[in-house]
Amino acid sequence: MDLTSELLRKANAQILVDGLKMKYVLLFLLLLLDVSGIAQEKTFLLRDLKLQETKKVRDSTAAVKFLDSLTDSGYYFTRLISAERKNGITEILYDRGNNYRSVIARLSDEVANAVAANKEIRVDDLDSLKSAINDTYRAKGFVFNRVRSKYIGMKGELPVVEISVDPQQVRKITGFVIEGYDKVPTRFVKNLEKEYGGKIYNDQTVRRISQSQQNHPFVLEERAPQTLFTKDSTNIYLYLQKRKSSSFDGVLGFGNDEEGKFTLNGTVDIALQNMFNGFEKLSLYWQRNPDKGQTFDLRADIPYLFKSNLGFNGNLNIFRQDSTYANVKVLPSVYYHIGARQKLGLRGNFEISSVLVENYVSGDDYRKAGGGLWYEYVEASPFLILGNRTAVLASADLLKTNYGDGDRTATQTAFSLAAERSFHLTGNHYIHAKADGAMLRSGEELMTNELLRFGGWNSLRGFNENSIIANLYGMLSAEYRYLIGEDAFLDVFTQFAGVRNDVLKIGSQLYSFGMGLNIRLPFGIMSVQLSNGSQVGRSVRFSDTKIHWGVVTRF
């Protein structure tokens, strides 16, 4: 028992016992007793001299946990009196001493400055204070800091504890390692290193990195990031999967045309994305509206040319209004990735239009050439079904237009802005707000076949697709969404638009309203929308009700 007595003496020398040190001293002592009676039945009795109570535990580990918990409860002067084994029973005699709900903590100058506190403070929970100090140093990059406490005496009836910190080495992010989907573009990893490399490592930074991968259009986070610390490096491991990002979007529309006749119209949108692991996109869009107009749109996007942050975007758009006229527009563009969510581009703008009937007096053949700037910002929603949390797309173009055989020319400017934002109210309640507008200005009289077209499923929902033509319009939308789990939401919306058509010398104010359901099914996301709209001052007609049904399937 000489060794046991020596261990008891050392344990009691810790007058104000640090929880971690006490745990190891007690564990070694009790394990020694445990091993000495390994062939016997094990029973541990803890007798409290102060309260004259006895507690029975199953093994030495449980005994250590109980004694260690006393210091967490304010019994800082807990002393071991004896520990003996007789007939397979280990009896531990201890005195918990007085309970100190509060202690006086004295902080070193460095610690006081780091946590913005006084050098001497009274605390009711020493462990909580030490935990808070530890968290403060971790946030500053000292991941492996050690907070030390030392009993230095009494002040009145309260123990005085000196708190100091061994900060260890400050940690900064040095690199990223991709596991799982390792065919991501090289520039994707370099952009992460550019944005986060050299920054102080802490939990908040890792959380931001993880959130940036959530609902990424091309990658899926398989599990939370992990960190490998070495002497000279701090590398973050991202566990990613390739997301099914290609999609087929089909929409059927039911409604009446301007003559009141029932019509069936629709939209087909096919997007092939990241087929070659370069985050590239190729999309084909076709739409037929009730007024016999058809749109064909082909887009191609290559985000990282020559493994750089330069990208290419090309767009071919063809619009034909029955047998009246046809427009062809080409928009080649190069852009630069400002950050993970932002792009700034420079583009050319080329357009030709041909009038197909001789008696179409409000239109004329024309050719346009020019260029402009565009900007895009996209931030995904935490829930994929809700789409974008924030999105902004703005453009400005300067154009030279030649009409007919070139006998009339005009300098034109075109501007557009589309912005949307989803606001989380509380619980499952969201508000989605959107503003959309465009303007075409010209030094000469505009022709009908060059005016802007909008209305329908993706703009003013209570009207037919591309049924509204104008050289200036602005639209505001407000939509209440109730999220049902992560796979469905109900919505109720209202929209208001102001329109100006200088060809007809008229302006009007329009509104629409409706409701819908979006739900994720095994074959994709299905949307059903019921909407109606009219001009301000005119009553709504039930016959103008529009029903849209669409499915987006990813593969």
Protein backbone atom coordinates (compact mmCIF):
# COMPACT_ATOMS: atom_id res chain seq x y z
CA MET A 1 0.00 0.00 0.00
CA ASP A 2 3.05 2.33 -0.03
CA LEU A 3 2.38 3.25 -3.66
CA THR A 4 -1.29 3.89 -2.90
CA SER A 5 -0.41 6.19 -0.01
CA GLU A 6 1.99 8.14 -2.18
CA LEU A 7 -0.68 8.61 -4.86
CA LEU A 8 -3.16 9.82 -2.24
CA ARG A 9 -0.60 12.32 -1.01
CA LYS A 10 -0.08 13.67 -4.56
CA ALA A 11 -3.79 13.85 -5.25
CA ASN A 12 -4.46 15.88 -2.11
CA ALA A 13 -1.54 18.19 -2.88
CA GLN A 14 -3.78 19.62 -5.63
CA ILE A 15 -5.66 21.83 -3.17
CA LEU A 16 -7.79 23.33 -5.92
CA VAL A 17 -7.93 20.38 -8.29
CA ASP A 18 -7.89 20.99 -12.05
CA GLY A 19 -10.56 18.64 -13.42
CA LEU A 20 -8.35 17.03 -16.07
CA LYS A 21 -5.37 16.42 -13.77
CA MET A 22 -7.56 15.01 -11.02
CA LYS A 23 -9.11 12.64 -13.49
CA TYR A 24 -5.77 11.14 -14.48
CA VAL A 25 -4.47 10.84 -10.90
CA LEU A 26 -7.66 9.17 -9.72
CA LEU A 27 -7.87 6.94 -12.75
CA PHE A 28 -4.34 5.63 -12.20
CA LEU A 29 -4.99 5.05 -8.52
CA LEU A 30 -8.27 3.25 -9.01
CA LEU A 31 -7.04 1.20 -11.95
CA LEU A 32 -4.16 0.07 -9.75
CA LEU A 33 -6.66 -1.16 -7.20
CA ASP A 34 -8.82 -2.60 -9.95
CA VAL A 35 -5.95 -4.63 -11.43
CA SER A 36 -4.84 -5.89 -8.05
CA GLY A 37 -8.23 -7.56 -7.65
CA ILE A 38 -8.80 -8.61 -11.23
CA ALA A 39 -9.66 -12.16 -10.30
CA GLN A 40 -12.19 -11.07 -7.70
CA GLU A 41 -15.69 -9.67 -7.94
CA LYS A 42 -15.44 -5.91 -8.44
CA THR A 43 -17.49 -3.58 -6.24
CA PHE A 44 -16.68 0.09 -5.56
CA LEU A 45 -18.12 1.95 -2.59
CA LEU A 46 -17.61 5.71 -2.27
CA ARG A 47 -18.14 6.98 1.27
CA ASP A 48 -18.68 10.72 1.82
CA LEU A 49 -17.34 11.89 5.21
CA LYS A 50 -19.21 15.21 5.02
CA LEU A 51 -22.67 13.88 4.18
CA GLN A 52 -22.21 10.37 5.64
CA GLU A 53 -23.50 8.87 2.41
CA THR A 54 -22.35 5.82 0.47
CA LYS A 55 -22.53 5.45 -3.30
CA LYS A 56 -22.05 2.15 -5.10
CA VAL A 57 -20.66 2.12 -8.64
CA ARG A 58 -19.88 -0.68 -11.04
CA ASP A 59 -16.19 -0.06 -11.81
CA SER A 60 -13.20 2.23 -11.37
CA THR A 61 -14.10 4.38 -14.40
CA ALA A 62 -17.48 5.20 -12.90
CA ALA A 63 -15.81 6.04 -9.59
CA VAL A 64 -13.45 8.47 -11.31
CA LYS A 65 -16.32 10.14 -13.19
CA PHE A 66 -18.26 10.65 -9.97
CA LEU A 67 -15.34 12.16 -8.05
CA ASP A 68 -14.39 14.29 -11.02
CA SER A 69 -17.95 15.62 -11.23
CA LEU A 70 -17.67 17.06 -7.72
CA THR A 71 -15.18 19.68 -8.89
CA ASP A 72 -17.58 20.64 -11.69
CA SER A 73 -20.25 21.21 -9.04
CA GLY A 74 -18.13 23.61 -6.97
CA TYR A 75 -16.45 21.19 -4.55
CA TYR A 76 -12.95 22.36 -5.49
CA PHE A 77 -11.30 21.02 -2.31
CA THR A 78 -12.40 17.41 -2.62
CA ARG A 79 -9.84 15.20 -0.83
CA LEU A 80 -9.21 11.48 -0.99
CA ILE A 81 -8.81 10.06 2.52
CA SER A 82 -8.19 6.41 1.73
CA ALA A 83 -8.72 3.71 -0.84
CA GLU A 84 -8.61 0.06 0.28
CA ARG A 85 -9.66 -3.28 -1.15
CA LYS A 86 -11.06 -5.95 1.15
CA ASN A 87 -12.78 -9.17 0.04
CA GLY A 88 -13.34 -7.94 -3.50
CA ILE A 89 -14.77 -4.59 -2.36
CA THR A 90 -12.90 -1.36 -2.97
CA GLU A 91 -13.84 1.25 -0.40
CA ILE A 92 -12.96 4.85 -1.22
CA LEU A 93 -13.23 7.38 1.57
CA TYR A 94 -13.36 11.05 0.52
CA ASP A 95 -14.20 14.47 1.91
CA ARG A 96 -15.89 16.81 -0.55
CA GLY A 97 -15.24 19.86 1.58
CA ASN A 98 -17.16 23.07 1.19
CA ASN A 99 -19.12 23.92 -1.91
CA TYR A 100 -17.89 27.06 -3.65
CA ARG A 101 -20.50 28.24 -6.11
CA SER A 102 -18.27 31.14 -7.04
CA VAL A 103 -14.55 31.72 -7.43
CA ILE A 104 -12.45 34.77 -8.18
CA ALA A 105 -10.63 34.36 -11.49
CA ARG A 106 -7.53 36.42 -12.14
CA LEU A 107 -6.67 36.73 -15.81
CA SER A 108 -3.26 37.48 -17.21
CA ASP A 109 -2.91 40.69 -19.24
CA GLU A 110 -2.87 38.70 -22.47
CA VAL A 111 -6.00 36.73 -21.63
CA ALA A 112 -7.90 39.79 -20.37
CA ASN A 113 -7.15 41.65 -23.61
CA ALA A 114 -8.10 38.64 -25.75
CA VAL A 115 -11.51 38.16 -24.13
CA ALA A 116 -12.12 41.88 -23.44
CA ALA A 117 -12.67 41.33 -19.71
CA ASN A 118 -11.40 42.72 -16.43
CA LYS A 119 -8.28 41.17 -14.97
CA GLU A 120 -10.17 39.99 -11.90
CA ILE A 121 -13.71 38.69 -12.17
CA ARG A 122 -16.04 36.65 -10.02
CA VAL A 123 -17.53 33.66 -11.80
CA ASP A 124 -20.09 31.05 -10.78
CA ASP A 125 -18.86 28.41 -13.24
CA LEU A 126 -15.11 28.15 -13.72
CA ASP A 127 -15.37 25.51 -16.44
CA SER A 128 -17.69 27.71 -18.50
CA LEU A 129 -15.19 30.56 -18.24
CA LYS A 130 -12.34 28.33 -19.35
CA SER A 131 -14.46 27.00 -22.22
CA ALA A 132 -15.30 30.54 -23.34
CA ILE A 133 -11.62 31.53 -23.26
CA ASN A 134 -10.76 28.42 -25.25
CA ASP A 135 -13.40 29.29 -27.88
CA THR A 136 -12.08 32.85 -28.12
CA TYR A 137 -8.56 31.64 -28.85
CA ARG A 138 -9.84 29.02 -31.30
CA ALA A 139 -11.64 31.76 -33.24
CA LYS A 140 -8.30 33.56 -33.53
CA GLY A 141 -6.69 30.47 -35.06
CA PHE A 142 -5.11 28.99 -31.90
CA VAL A 143 -6.81 25.64 -32.40
CA PHE A 144 -4.69 23.73 -29.88
CA ASN A 145 -4.59 26.31 -27.09
CA ARG A 146 -4.52 25.10 -23.49
CA VAL A 147 -6.30 27.02 -20.75
CA ARG A 148 -4.61 26.53 -17.36
CA SER A 149 -6.01 27.23 -13.89
CA LYS A 150 -3.93 27.50 -10.70
CA TYR A 151 -5.13 27.97 -7.14
CA ILE A 152 -3.22 30.83 -5.51
CA GLY A 153 -5.09 31.40 -2.23
CA MET A 154 -8.26 32.67 -0.67
CA LYS A 155 -9.86 36.10 -0.77
CA GLY A 156 -12.36 36.25 2.03
CA GLU A 157 -14.40 33.10 1.68
CA LEU A 158 -13.74 32.61 -2.05
CA PRO A 159 -10.91 30.71 -3.73
CA VAL A 160 -8.70 32.74 -6.07
CA VAL A 161 -7.72 31.04 -9.32
CA GLU A 162 -5.14 32.31 -11.79
CA ILE A 163 -6.10 31.71 -15.44
CA SER A 164 -3.45 31.57 -18.14
CA VAL A 165 -3.34 30.31 -21.73
CA ASP A 166 -0.70 28.49 -23.70
CA PRO A 167 -1.88 29.52 -27.21
CA GLN A 168 0.36 27.17 -29.20
CA GLN A 169 0.77 27.87 -32.94
CA VAL A 170 -1.73 29.98 -34.87
CA ARG A 171 -3.23 27.96 -37.71
CA LYS A 172 -3.92 29.27 -41.20
CA ILE A 173 -5.44 27.40 -44.13
CA THR A 174 -2.72 26.24 -46.52
CA GLY A 175 -4.63 24.13 -49.04
CA PHE A 176 -7.55 21.94 -50.07
CA VAL A 177 -7.75 18.25 -50.93
CA ILE A 178 -10.75 16.91 -52.89
CA GLU A 179 -11.90 13.40 -52.06
CA GLY A 180 -14.57 11.45 -53.95
CA TYR A 181 -15.26 13.57 -57.03
CA ASP A 182 -11.63 14.35 -57.86
CA LYS A 183 -12.33 15.36 -61.50
CA VAL A 184 -13.49 18.86 -60.58
CA PRO A 185 -11.81 21.58 -62.67
CA THR A 186 -8.37 22.62 -61.46
CA ARG A 187 -9.52 26.22 -61.36
CA PHE A 188 -12.32 25.29 -58.92
CA VAL A 189 -9.71 24.20 -56.35
CA LYS A 190 -7.45 27.16 -57.09
CA ASN A 191 -10.33 29.56 -56.56
CA LEU A 192 -10.98 28.01 -53.15
CA GLU A 193 -7.31 28.44 -52.28
CA LYS A 194 -7.40 32.02 -53.58
CA GLU A 195 -10.45 32.87 -51.47
CA TYR A 196 -9.54 31.05 -48.26
CA GLY A 197 -5.81 30.31 -48.46
CA GLY A 198 -3.84 32.13 -45.78
CA LYS A 199 -6.95 32.91 -43.74
CA ILE A 200 -7.05 32.06 -40.06
CA TYR A 201 -8.45 28.59 -39.47
CA ASN A 202 -11.50 28.46 -37.21
CA ASP A 203 -14.90 26.82 -37.06
CA GLN A 204 -16.66 29.78 -38.71
CA THR A 205 -14.39 29.67 -41.76
CA VAL A 206 -14.87 25.91 -42.18
CA ARG A 207 -18.62 26.42 -41.91
CA ARG A 208 -18.55 29.06 -44.67
CA ILE A 209 -16.54 26.74 -46.90
CA SER A 210 -19.05 23.94 -46.34
CA GLN A 211 -22.00 26.24 -47.01
CA SER A 212 -20.43 27.38 -50.29
CA GLN A 213 -20.67 23.79 -51.55
CA GLN A 214 -24.28 23.29 -50.49
CA ASN A 215 -26.60 23.41 -53.50
CA HIS A 216 -23.63 24.04 -55.79
CA PRO A 217 -24.92 23.43 -59.31
CA PHE A 218 -22.29 20.79 -60.10
CA VAL A 219 -21.02 19.23 -56.86
CA LEU A 220 -22.68 17.67 -53.82
CA GLU A 221 -21.10 17.62 -50.36
CA GLU A 222 -21.05 14.00 -49.25
CA ARG A 223 -20.07 14.76 -45.65
CA ALA A 224 -18.68 17.57 -43.56
CA PRO A 225 -15.13 18.80 -44.28
CA GLN A 226 -12.27 17.45 -42.20
CA THR A 227 -8.90 19.00 -41.44
CA LEU A 228 -5.42 17.49 -41.44
CA PHE A 229 -2.98 19.37 -39.20
CA THR A 230 0.75 18.85 -39.64
CA LYS A 231 3.63 20.86 -38.25
CA ASP A 232 3.74 23.20 -41.25
CA SER A 233 0.34 22.85 -42.94
CA THR A 234 -3.40 22.96 -42.39
CA ASN A 235 -5.22 21.21 -45.23
CA ILE A 236 -8.99 20.98 -45.49
CA TYR A 237 -10.42 17.82 -47.03
CA LEU A 238 -13.66 18.26 -49.01
CA TYR A 239 -15.72 15.13 -49.63
CA LEU A 240 -17.66 15.78 -52.81
CA GLN A 241 -19.84 13.91 -55.28
CA LYS A 242 -20.75 14.81 -58.84
CA ARG A 243 -24.25 16.24 -58.83
CA LYS A 244 -26.83 15.25 -61.42
CA SER A 245 -27.02 18.67 -63.01
CA SER A 246 -28.32 18.02 -66.53
CA SER A 247 -32.05 18.65 -66.74
CA PHE A 248 -35.16 18.39 -68.85
CA ASP A 249 -37.79 21.04 -68.17
CA GLY A 250 -41.19 20.67 -69.81
CA VAL A 251 -44.11 23.04 -69.28
CA LEU A 252 -47.63 22.80 -70.66
CA GLY A 253 -49.82 25.90 -70.67
CA PHE A 254 -53.60 26.07 -70.99
CA GLY A 255 -55.44 29.32 -71.69
CA ASN A 256 -57.16 31.55 -74.22
CA ASP A 257 -55.60 33.73 -76.90
CA GLU A 258 -56.55 37.35 -77.67
CA GLU A 259 -59.63 36.17 -79.55
CA GLY A 260 -60.83 34.10 -76.60
CA LYS A 261 -60.05 30.74 -78.20
CA PHE A 262 -58.68 27.92 -76.07
CA THR A 263 -55.04 27.23 -76.88
CA LEU A 264 -52.41 24.75 -75.85
CA ASN A 265 -48.86 26.06 -75.59
CA GLY A 266 -45.68 24.82 -74.05
CA THR A 267 -41.99 25.08 -73.30
CA VAL A 268 -39.15 22.57 -73.58
CA ASP A 269 -35.80 23.34 -71.93
CA ILE A 270 -32.99 20.78 -72.18
CA ALA A 271 -29.73 21.53 -70.36
CA LEU A 272 -26.66 19.29 -70.63
CA GLN A 273 -24.28 20.31 -67.88
CA ASN A 274 -20.87 19.13 -66.65
CA MET A 275 -20.81 16.19 -69.02
CA PHE A 276 -17.03 16.57 -69.41
CA ASN A 277 -16.27 17.58 -65.80
CA GLY A 278 -15.50 21.17 -66.76
CA PHE A 279 -18.65 22.77 -65.28
CA GLU A 280 -19.68 23.49 -68.88
CA LYS A 281 -23.30 24.04 -69.96
CA LEU A 282 -25.15 23.46 -73.21
CA SER A 283 -28.86 24.27 -73.26
CA LEU A 284 -31.61 24.23 -75.86
CA TYR A 285 -34.87 26.08 -75.26
CA TRP A 286 -38.03 26.04 -77.36
CA GLN A 287 -41.30 27.80 -76.66
CA ARG A 288 -44.63 28.16 -78.44
CA ASN A 289 -47.08 30.78 -77.20
CA PRO A 290 -50.84 31.03 -77.83
CA ASP A 291 -50.37 33.92 -80.28
CA LYS A 292 -48.49 31.68 -82.71
CA GLY A 293 -45.08 32.96 -81.72
CA GLN A 294 -42.17 30.56 -81.38
CA THR A 295 -38.80 30.99 -79.68
CA PHE A 296 -35.69 28.90 -80.19
CA ASP A 297 -32.72 29.58 -77.91
CA LEU A 298 -29.35 27.83 -77.88
CA ARG A 299 -26.72 28.60 -75.24
CA ALA A 300 -23.22 27.35 -74.53
CA ASP A 301 -21.09 28.21 -71.51
CA ILE A 302 -17.48 27.22 -70.81
CA PRO A 303 -16.46 28.67 -67.42
CA TYR A 304 -12.72 28.03 -67.23
CA LEU A 305 -10.93 28.65 -70.53
CA PHE A 306 -7.37 27.31 -70.52
CA LYS A 307 -7.74 26.54 -66.78
CA SER A 308 -8.13 30.24 -66.03
CA ASN A 309 -10.92 32.35 -64.54
CA LEU A 310 -11.92 33.51 -68.02
CA GLY A 311 -15.09 31.99 -69.45
CA PHE A 312 -16.98 31.98 -72.74
CA ASN A 313 -20.72 32.28 -73.20
CA GLY A 314 -22.53 32.11 -76.53
CA ASN A 315 -26.23 32.61 -77.22
CA LEU A 316 -28.25 32.13 -80.43
CA ASN A 317 -31.88 33.28 -80.21
CA ILE A 318 -34.47 32.95 -82.98
CA PHE A 319 -37.98 34.36 -82.64
CA ARG A 320 -40.71 34.00 -85.24
CA GLN A 321 -44.11 35.67 -84.96
CA ASP A 322 -46.42 33.46 -87.10
CA SER A 323 -45.83 34.51 -90.73
CA THR A 324 -45.26 38.19 -89.92
CA TYR A 325 -41.56 38.53 -89.06
CA ALA A 326 -38.55 36.64 -87.75
CA ASN A 327 -35.64 37.84 -85.61
CA VAL A 328 -32.22 36.24 -85.19
CA LYS A 329 -29.90 37.42 -82.38
CA VAL A 330 -26.34 36.31 -81.61
CA LEU A 331 -24.61 37.20 -78.31
CA PRO A 332 -20.98 36.01 -78.06
CA SER A 333 -19.42 36.86 -74.71
CA VAL A 334 -16.29 36.48 -72.60
CA TYR A 335 -16.39 36.95 -68.85
CA TYR A 336 -14.28 36.83 -65.70
CA HIS A 337 -15.08 35.08 -62.43
CA ILE A 338 -14.83 37.81 -59.82
CA GLY A 339 -15.56 35.28 -57.10
CA ALA A 340 -17.38 32.02 -56.52
CA ARG A 341 -20.75 33.68 -57.15
CA GLN A 342 -19.99 36.65 -59.41
CA LYS A 343 -19.22 37.14 -63.09
CA LEU A 344 -18.45 40.23 -65.12
CA GLY A 345 -18.68 39.93 -68.90
CA LEU A 346 -18.06 41.76 -72.16
CA ARG A 347 -20.23 40.75 -75.12
CA GLY A 348 -21.08 41.42 -78.70
CA ASN A 349 -24.68 41.99 -79.76
CA PHE A 350 -25.73 41.19 -83.34
CA GLU A 351 -29.32 40.97 -84.58
CA ILE A 352 -31.16 40.80 -87.89
CA SER A 353 -34.90 40.93 -88.54
CA SER A 354 -36.90 40.18 -91.66
CA VAL A 355 -40.50 41.20 -92.24
CA LEU A 356 -42.24 38.34 -94.04
CA VAL A 357 -45.39 40.14 -95.26
CA GLU A 358 -45.52 43.31 -97.32
CA ASN A 359 -48.46 44.94 -95.54
CA TYR A 360 -46.85 44.89 -92.07
CA VAL A 361 -46.47 48.67 -91.84
CA SER A 362 -45.44 48.86 -88.17
CA GLY A 363 -42.33 46.76 -88.79
CA ASP A 364 -39.23 46.96 -90.93
CA ASP A 365 -36.16 44.91 -91.79
CA TYR A 366 -33.16 45.89 -89.69
CA ARG A 367 -29.62 44.92 -88.76
CA LYS A 368 -28.03 45.67 -85.40
CA ALA A 369 -24.45 45.49 -84.26
CA GLY A 370 -22.83 46.57 -81.02
CA GLY A 371 -21.70 45.36 -77.66
CA GLY A 372 -21.97 45.86 -73.95
CA LEU A 373 -21.30 44.75 -70.40
CA TRP A 374 -23.14 42.34 -68.14
CA TYR A 375 -22.90 41.29 -64.50
CA GLU A 376 -24.23 38.22 -62.71
CA TYR A 377 -24.47 37.26 -59.04
CA VAL A 378 -26.04 33.97 -57.91
CA GLU A 379 -26.35 32.55 -54.40
CA ALA A 380 -28.17 29.24 -53.97
CA SER A 381 -30.86 28.64 -51.36
CA PRO A 382 -30.19 26.18 -48.51
CA PHE A 383 -33.11 24.16 -49.94
CA LEU A 384 -32.66 23.11 -53.56
CA ILE A 385 -36.38 23.22 -54.32
CA LEU A 386 -36.52 26.94 -53.45
CA GLY A 387 -34.07 27.83 -56.23
CA ASN A 388 -31.85 30.85 -55.71
CA ARG A 389 -31.62 32.70 -52.42
CA THR A 390 -30.23 35.73 -54.25
CA ALA A 391 -29.75 36.41 -57.95
CA VAL A 392 -28.86 39.56 -59.90
CA LEU A 393 -28.40 39.87 -63.67
CA ALA A 394 -27.76 43.28 -65.21
CA SER A 395 -26.70 44.31 -68.71
CA ALA A 396 -26.10 47.44 -70.79
CA ASP A 397 -25.56 47.55 -74.58
CA LEU A 398 -24.77 50.22 -77.18
CA LEU A 399 -26.06 49.38 -80.67
CA LYS A 400 -25.91 50.75 -84.20
CA THR A 401 -29.10 49.93 -86.16
CA ASN A 402 -29.64 50.03 -89.92
CA TYR A 403 -33.25 49.85 -91.19
CA GLY A 404 -34.50 48.66 -94.57
CA ASP A 405 -31.85 49.06 -97.25
CA GLY A 406 -29.67 51.15 -94.96
CA ASP A 407 -31.29 54.48 -95.74
CA ARG A 408 -32.14 55.03 -92.05
CA THR A 409 -29.79 54.46 -89.11
CA ALA A 410 -30.09 54.91 -85.37
CA THR A 411 -27.95 54.69 -82.26
CA GLN A 412 -29.64 52.71 -79.55
CA THR A 413 -29.02 51.80 -75.91
CA ALA A 414 -30.49 48.78 -74.16
CA PHE A 415 -30.59 48.13 -70.41
CA SER A 416 -31.93 45.24 -68.37
CA LEU A 417 -32.01 44.31 -64.69
CA ALA A 418 -33.42 41.24 -62.95
CA ALA A 419 -32.99 40.76 -59.20
CA GLU A 420 -34.56 38.33 -56.76
CA ARG A 421 -34.17 37.56 -53.08
CA SER A 422 -35.69 34.97 -50.75
CA PHE A 423 -36.32 36.10 -47.15
CA HIS A 424 -36.78 33.63 -44.32
CA LEU A 425 -39.52 34.91 -42.00
CA THR A 426 -39.84 32.21 -39.36
CA GLY A 427 -40.16 28.44 -39.29
CA ASN A 428 -41.27 27.24 -42.73
CA HIS A 429 -42.42 30.66 -43.94
CA TYR A 430 -40.58 32.53 -46.71
CA ILE A 431 -41.11 35.60 -48.85
CA HIS A 432 -39.62 35.63 -52.35
CA ALA A 433 -39.30 39.11 -53.88
CA LYS A 434 -38.34 39.86 -57.47
CA ALA A 435 -37.81 42.96 -59.58
CA ASP A 436 -37.44 42.81 -63.36
CA GLY A 437 -37.15 45.54 -65.95
CA ALA A 438 -35.72 46.48 -69.34
CA MET A 439 -35.50 49.51 -71.58
CA LEU A 440 -34.71 50.12 -75.26
CA ARG A 441 -33.92 53.72 -76.24
CA SER A 442 -33.40 54.93 -79.80
CA GLY A 443 -32.62 58.14 -81.64
CA GLU A 444 -35.13 57.12 -84.30
CA GLU A 445 -38.65 55.77 -84.23
CA LEU A 446 -38.73 52.16 -83.09
CA MET A 447 -40.32 49.32 -85.03
CA THR A 448 -42.73 46.81 -83.50
CA ASN A 449 -40.59 43.81 -84.45
CA GLU A 450 -37.63 45.10 -82.41
CA LEU A 451 -39.53 45.78 -79.18
CA LEU A 452 -39.02 43.83 -75.96
CA ARG A 453 -41.32 40.88 -75.28
CA PHE A 454 -42.30 39.45 -71.91
CA GLY A 455 -45.16 37.77 -70.03
CA GLY A 456 -45.90 34.16 -69.13
CA TRP A 457 -44.56 31.39 -66.91
CA ASN A 458 -41.21 32.98 -66.05
CA SER A 459 -42.29 36.64 -65.92
CA LEU A 460 -45.84 38.07 -65.67
CA ARG A 461 -47.66 34.80 -65.02
CA GLY A 462 -51.26 35.81 -65.56
CA PHE A 463 -50.62 36.58 -69.26
CA ASN A 464 -49.73 34.55 -72.33
CA GLU A 465 -46.10 33.87 -73.17
CA ASN A 466 -44.38 36.87 -74.82
CA SER A 467 -47.77 38.52 -75.33
CA ILE A 468 -46.70 41.93 -74.00
CA ILE A 469 -44.46 44.09 -76.20
CA ALA A 470 -42.86 47.33 -75.06
CA ASN A 471 -39.71 49.40 -75.22
CA LEU A 472 -39.86 50.01 -71.45
CA TYR A 473 -41.25 47.87 -68.64
CA GLY A 474 -40.74 47.29 -64.95
CA MET A 475 -42.21 44.52 -62.84
CA LEU A 476 -42.38 43.74 -59.12
CA SER A 477 -43.31 40.34 -57.70
CA ALA A 478 -44.00 39.18 -54.14
CA GLU A 479 -44.51 35.51 -53.39
CA TYR A 480 -45.31 33.86 -50.07
CA ARG A 481 -43.91 30.35 -49.78
CA TYR A 482 -44.69 27.70 -47.20
CA LEU A 483 -42.02 25.03 -47.16
CA ILE A 484 -43.27 21.47 -46.61
CA GLY A 485 -40.20 19.58 -45.43
CA GLU A 486 -37.37 19.95 -47.94
CA ASP A 487 -39.24 18.52 -50.91
CA ALA A 488 -42.27 20.74 -51.48
CA PHE A 489 -43.69 24.22 -51.02
CA LEU A 490 -46.99 26.02 -51.55
CA ASP A 491 -46.96 29.56 -52.88
CA VAL A 492 -49.31 32.50 -53.27
CA PHE A 493 -48.10 35.38 -55.42
CA THR A 494 -49.02 38.80 -56.75
CA GLN A 495 -47.30 40.87 -59.46
CA PHE A 496 -47.48 44.41 -60.76
CA ALA A 497 -45.98 45.78 -63.98
CA GLY A 498 -45.74 49.15 -65.68
CA VAL A 499 -45.41 49.09 -69.50
CA ARG A 500 -44.60 51.72 -72.13
CA ASN A 501 -44.96 51.15 -75.90
CA ASP A 502 -43.71 54.18 -77.89
CA VAL A 503 -44.69 52.64 -81.21
CA LEU A 504 -48.36 52.64 -80.24
CA LYS A 505 -47.91 55.70 -77.99
CA ILE A 506 -49.56 53.93 -75.07
CA GLY A 507 -48.71 53.03 -71.49
CA SER A 508 -50.48 50.65 -69.17
CA GLN A 509 -50.34 49.11 -65.72
CA LEU A 510 -50.86 45.39 -65.33
CA TYR A 511 -51.27 43.03 -62.41
CA SER A 512 -51.52 39.31 -61.86
CA PHE A 513 -52.05 36.91 -58.98
CA GLY A 514 -52.28 33.20 -58.36
CA MET A 515 -51.10 30.21 -56.42
CA GLY A 516 -49.15 27.04 -57.01
CA LEU A 517 -47.48 23.91 -55.73
CA ASN A 518 -43.91 22.72 -56.26
CA ILE A 519 -43.00 19.22 -55.16
CA ARG A 520 -39.99 16.95 -55.58
CA LEU A 521 -40.93 13.52 -56.94
CA PRO A 522 -38.75 10.54 -57.87
CA PHE A 523 -38.67 11.68 -61.51
CA GLY A 524 -38.03 15.37 -60.78
CA ILE A 525 -39.58 18.58 -59.48
CA MET A 526 -43.18 19.09 -60.54
CA SER A 527 -44.78 22.55 -60.61
CA VAL A 528 -48.46 23.44 -60.95
CA GLN A 529 -49.50 27.10 -61.23
CA LEU A 530 -52.91 28.72 -61.44
CA SER A 531 -52.84 32.42 -62.38
CA ASN A 532 -54.86 35.29 -63.78
CA GLY A 533 -54.19 38.89 -64.64
CA SER A 534 -55.58 42.04 -66.16
CA GLN A 535 -54.99 45.73 -66.73
CA VAL A 536 -55.46 48.09 -63.79
CA GLY A 537 -58.98 49.46 -63.98
CA ARG A 538 -60.38 46.42 -65.73
CA SER A 539 -62.10 43.53 -64.03
CA VAL A 540 -60.62 40.04 -64.05
CA ARG A 541 -62.25 37.55 -66.39
CA PHE A 542 -62.39 33.91 -65.37
CA SER A 543 -61.82 32.91 -68.99
CA ASP A 544 -58.35 34.51 -68.81
CA THR A 545 -57.21 32.03 -66.15
CA LYS A 546 -53.93 30.32 -67.01
CA ILE A 547 -52.92 26.84 -65.87
CA HIS A 548 -49.28 25.77 -66.15
CA TRP A 549 -47.96 22.31 -65.39
CA GLY A 550 -44.25 21.58 -65.59
CA VAL A 551 -41.64 19.01 -64.63
CA VAL A 552 -37.88 19.48 -64.21
CA THR A 553 -36.02 16.17 -64.38
CA ARG A 554 -32.30 15.97 -63.58
CA PHE A 555 -30.02 13.30 -64.97
